[in-house]
Amino acid sequence: MSHSARIFCNECGREQQHKVAASHDSFNAEGEVEITRTAELLECGGCGYTILRRKVHFSEFQYQPGDLDPDPEYIPGQKLRQEPVWLVSLSTNMREAFSETIRALNYDMPYLAAVGVRTVLDMVLVSKVGDYGRFETKLRKLEKNCHVTSSERERLNVLAEVGNAAAHRGFRADIGDLGIMIDILERIVQKLHVDPEKDKELSDHAKRIGAGVPPRP
């Protein structure tokens, strides 16, 4: 058994050396074939984050010395996307919905991810223009109130349409396309909910700093 492995760490966001903190083997046979299943708890040497690695060895397969499974399963698997650092600044409902949407993407659940994108978008629309009318109506009001440009409204409409199709017509969006959709969603959430708060914070700091500057003689 190898006591270390260099694999991707979801917490560090890069490959790190992991040590095998614990391991368990189970054995059974199907006819003349002997099967060894190994479960290993791997601990990241950088941050201490732990994941499970599951491997299977079949006696009739030819492996290199020390190998078990050339394609082991990692639980949880490598994240396709990290949560943005500014997520904590959102309201509880919006933060949780956005976080669950990203988790759905990372766990290869495209239906849930698509509906999640639509849900977060709806929260953004309601927060800015109120809860009335169809999605298209709210998007046009968002543009009319100068919260978004015409091109941004068109992009957001695509997010709504994909979410609707996933929820009502069984449409399975491509994982890569969902990543782009979340790019679009992140940009609009940051523009409407994160940047204004940051601008206000910086303005307050500037006023405080300016107040401490001695006047000209």
Protein backbone atom coordinates (compact mmCIF):
# COMPACT_ATOMS: atom_id res chain seq x y z
CA MET A 1 0.00 0.00 0.00
CA SER A 2 1.30 3.45 -0.89
CA HIS A 3 1.32 5.71 2.17
CA SER A 4 1.16 8.98 0.23
CA ALA A 5 -0.24 10.38 -3.01
CA ARG A 6 -0.13 13.73 -4.79
CA ILE A 7 -3.71 14.62 -5.74
CA PHE A 8 -5.93 17.68 -6.05
CA CYS A 9 -7.17 19.22 -2.79
CA ASN A 10 -10.54 20.94 -2.99
CA GLU A 11 -9.76 23.20 -0.04
CA CYS A 12 -6.30 24.31 -1.21
CA GLY A 13 -7.45 24.52 -4.83
CA ARG A 14 -4.33 22.77 -6.17
CA GLU A 15 -2.46 19.48 -6.08
CA GLN A 16 -1.01 18.62 -2.68
CA GLN A 17 0.73 15.67 -1.10
CA HIS A 18 -1.75 13.53 0.86
CA LYS A 19 -0.95 10.87 3.42
CA VAL A 20 -3.00 7.73 3.97
CA ALA A 21 -4.44 8.31 7.44
CA ALA A 22 -6.43 5.07 7.55
CA SER A 23 -7.10 2.11 5.27
CA HIS A 24 -9.48 -0.86 5.18
CA ASP A 25 -9.53 -3.86 2.84
CA SER A 26 -12.42 -6.20 2.14
CA PHE A 27 -12.21 -9.43 0.16
CA ASN A 28 -14.66 -11.60 -1.74
CA ALA A 29 -14.73 -13.84 -4.78
CA GLU A 30 -16.91 -14.36 -7.82
CA GLY A 31 -16.08 -17.80 -9.17
CA GLU A 32 -12.32 -17.91 -9.63
CA VAL A 33 -11.97 -14.15 -9.58
CA GLU A 34 -10.74 -12.66 -6.30
CA ILE A 35 -11.82 -9.09 -5.63
CA THR A 36 -10.08 -6.74 -3.20
CA ARG A 37 -11.80 -3.50 -2.30
CA THR A 38 -9.75 -0.87 -0.51
CA ALA A 39 -11.04 2.26 1.19
CA GLU A 40 -8.46 4.86 2.21
CA LEU A 41 -8.83 8.08 4.16
CA LEU A 42 -6.44 10.62 2.66
CA GLU A 43 -5.34 13.71 4.56
CA CYS A 44 -3.99 16.78 2.76
CA GLY A 45 -0.52 17.76 3.90
CA GLY A 46 -1.30 21.41 3.25
CA CYS A 47 -4.59 22.00 5.08
CA GLY A 48 -5.59 18.71 6.71
CA TYR A 49 -8.73 18.30 4.57
CA THR A 50 -9.69 14.61 4.27
CA ILE A 51 -11.25 12.66 1.41
CA LEU A 52 -12.09 9.02 0.76
CA ARG A 53 -10.39 7.04 -1.99
CA ARG A 54 -11.95 3.75 -3.08
CA LYS A 55 -10.03 1.23 -5.20
CA VAL A 56 -10.84 -2.21 -6.57
CA HIS A 57 -8.42 -4.99 -7.54
CA PHE A 58 -9.46 -7.95 -9.69
CA SER A 59 -7.13 -10.94 -9.53
CA GLU A 60 -7.24 -11.68 -13.27
CA PHE A 61 -6.16 -8.15 -14.27
CA GLN A 62 -2.50 -7.32 -14.75
CA TYR A 63 -1.44 -4.42 -12.54
CA GLN A 64 1.87 -2.77 -11.89
CA PRO A 65 3.44 -3.63 -8.52
CA GLY A 66 1.70 -1.71 -5.77
CA ASP A 67 -1.21 -0.64 -7.97
CA LEU A 68 -4.80 -1.43 -7.09
CA ASP A 69 -7.19 0.45 -9.33
CA PRO A 70 -5.86 2.57 -12.23
CA ASP A 71 -8.98 4.73 -11.96
CA PRO A 72 -9.82 5.14 -8.25
CA GLU A 73 -12.93 6.92 -7.02
CA TYR A 74 -12.51 9.98 -4.82
CA ILE A 75 -15.28 11.14 -2.49
CA PRO A 76 -15.89 14.02 -2.74
CA GLY A 77 -14.54 14.33 -6.27
CA GLN A 78 -12.52 17.26 -7.57
CA LYS A 79 -14.56 20.44 -7.58
CA LEU A 80 -15.24 21.94 -10.98
CA ARG A 81 -15.78 25.31 -9.33
CA GLN A 82 -14.88 27.05 -6.09
CA GLU A 83 -17.35 29.33 -4.33
CA PRO A 84 -16.52 33.04 -4.78
CA VAL A 85 -15.06 34.62 -1.65
CA TRP A 86 -17.74 37.33 -1.64
CA LEU A 87 -20.55 34.78 -1.25
CA VAL A 88 -20.55 35.38 2.51
CA SER A 89 -21.67 38.98 1.94
CA LEU A 90 -25.03 37.95 0.42
CA SER A 91 -28.29 37.46 2.27
CA THR A 92 -28.70 34.04 3.89
CA ASN A 93 -31.24 32.74 1.34
CA MET A 94 -29.29 33.94 -1.67
CA ARG A 95 -25.99 32.68 -0.27
CA GLU A 96 -27.41 29.21 0.46
CA ALA A 97 -29.13 28.97 -2.95
CA PHE A 98 -25.94 30.01 -4.76
CA SER A 99 -23.82 27.60 -2.71
CA GLU A 100 -26.20 24.70 -3.43
CA THR A 101 -26.13 25.55 -7.15
CA ILE A 102 -22.34 25.37 -7.22
CA ARG A 103 -22.41 22.07 -5.31
CA ALA A 104 -24.87 20.66 -7.86
CA LEU A 105 -22.42 21.59 -10.62
CA ASN A 106 -19.50 20.02 -8.75
CA TYR A 107 -21.44 16.79 -8.20
CA ASP A 108 -22.47 16.58 -11.88
CA MET A 109 -26.17 17.24 -11.31
CA PRO A 110 -27.05 19.44 -14.31
CA TYR A 111 -30.82 19.53 -13.74
CA LEU A 112 -30.42 20.85 -10.19
CA ALA A 113 -27.65 23.24 -11.24
CA ALA A 114 -29.79 24.74 -14.04
CA VAL A 115 -32.80 25.20 -11.76
CA GLY A 116 -30.49 26.63 -9.09
CA VAL A 117 -29.17 29.27 -11.50
CA ARG A 118 -32.74 30.28 -12.31
CA THR A 119 -33.63 30.41 -8.60
CA VAL A 120 -30.71 32.69 -7.70
CA LEU A 121 -31.49 34.91 -10.68
CA ASP A 122 -35.10 35.21 -9.53
CA MET A 123 -33.88 36.25 -6.07
CA VAL A 124 -31.75 38.96 -7.66
CA LEU A 125 -34.68 40.22 -9.74
CA VAL A 126 -37.07 40.31 -6.78
CA SER A 127 -34.50 42.17 -4.68
CA LYS A 128 -34.20 44.90 -7.33
CA VAL A 129 -37.60 45.23 -9.05
CA GLY A 130 -40.05 43.39 -6.80
CA ASP A 131 -41.93 40.11 -7.06
CA TYR A 132 -44.43 40.57 -9.84
CA GLY A 133 -44.85 39.62 -13.46
CA ARG A 134 -43.11 37.00 -15.58
CA PHE A 135 -39.36 36.54 -15.74
CA GLU A 136 -39.14 38.49 -18.99
CA THR A 137 -41.11 41.37 -17.47
CA LYS A 138 -38.81 41.56 -14.46
CA LEU A 139 -35.73 41.43 -16.68
CA ARG A 140 -37.00 44.32 -18.80
CA LYS A 141 -37.75 46.34 -15.68
CA LEU A 142 -34.23 45.59 -14.45
CA GLU A 143 -32.90 47.09 -17.68
CA LYS A 144 -35.34 50.02 -17.59
CA ASN A 145 -34.13 50.89 -14.07
CA CYS A 146 -30.54 50.92 -15.40
CA HIS A 147 -29.41 47.99 -13.26
CA VAL A 148 -28.26 46.06 -16.35
CA THR A 149 -27.50 46.77 -19.99
CA SER A 150 -29.45 45.37 -22.91
CA SER A 151 -26.77 42.73 -23.58
CA GLU A 152 -26.75 41.72 -19.92
CA ARG A 153 -30.54 41.34 -19.97
CA GLU A 154 -30.28 39.06 -23.01
CA ARG A 155 -27.69 36.88 -21.27
CA LEU A 156 -29.82 36.64 -18.13
CA ASN A 157 -32.82 35.66 -20.22
CA VAL A 158 -30.85 32.64 -21.48
CA LEU A 159 -30.24 31.57 -17.87
CA ALA A 160 -33.96 31.77 -17.16
CA GLU A 161 -34.86 29.81 -20.29
CA VAL A 162 -32.39 27.00 -19.51
CA GLY A 163 -33.69 26.80 -15.94
CA ASN A 164 -37.27 26.66 -17.15
CA ALA A 165 -36.45 23.96 -19.69
CA ALA A 166 -34.67 21.86 -17.07
CA ALA A 167 -37.56 22.17 -14.60
CA HIS A 168 -40.48 21.72 -17.01
CA ARG A 169 -39.22 19.98 -20.14
CA GLY A 170 -36.50 17.65 -18.87
CA PHE A 171 -33.68 19.55 -20.61
CA ARG A 172 -30.22 18.41 -19.52
CA ALA A 173 -27.76 21.24 -20.00
CA ASP A 174 -24.09 20.58 -20.76
CA ILE A 175 -21.85 20.85 -17.69
CA GLY A 176 -19.49 23.19 -19.53
CA ASP A 177 -22.39 25.44 -20.52
CA LEU A 178 -23.59 25.46 -16.91
CA GLY A 179 -20.17 26.69 -15.86
CA ILE A 180 -20.53 29.61 -18.28
CA MET A 181 -24.04 30.28 -16.95
CA ILE A 182 -22.67 30.51 -13.43
CA ASP A 183 -19.98 32.90 -14.74
CA ILE A 184 -22.79 35.14 -16.01
CA LEU A 185 -24.73 34.81 -12.77
CA GLU A 186 -21.68 35.57 -10.63
CA ARG A 187 -20.97 38.71 -12.62
CA ILE A 188 -24.49 40.08 -12.21
CA VAL A 189 -24.71 39.21 -8.51
CA GLN A 190 -21.36 40.85 -7.90
CA LYS A 191 -22.40 43.93 -9.88
CA LEU A 192 -25.76 44.38 -8.11
CA HIS A 193 -25.10 43.09 -4.60
CA VAL A 194 -21.37 42.99 -3.86
CA ASP A 195 -19.78 45.97 -5.63
CA PRO A 196 -22.25 48.58 -4.26
CA GLU A 197 -21.51 47.49 -0.69
CA LYS A 198 -17.78 47.55 -1.40
CA ASP A 199 -18.07 51.01 -2.97
CA LYS A 200 -19.92 52.26 0.11
CA GLU A 201 -17.28 50.76 2.39
CA LEU A 202 -14.48 52.42 0.44
CA SER A 203 -16.35 55.76 0.43
CA ASP A 204 -16.75 55.58 4.21
CA HIS A 205 -13.03 54.86 4.59
CA ALA A 206 -12.15 57.73 2.27
CA LYS A 207 -14.29 60.13 4.34
CA ARG A 208 -12.65 58.92 7.55
CA ILE A 209 -9.17 59.30 6.09
CA GLY A 210 -10.01 62.71 4.67
CA ALA A 211 -11.34 63.90 8.01
CA GLY A 212 -7.94 63.26 9.58
CA VAL A 213 -6.04 65.36 7.05
CA PRO A 214 -4.97 68.72 8.54
CA PRO A 215 -6.33 71.77 6.67
CA ARG A 216 -4.10 73.91 4.52
CA PRO A 217 -2.65 76.91 6.32
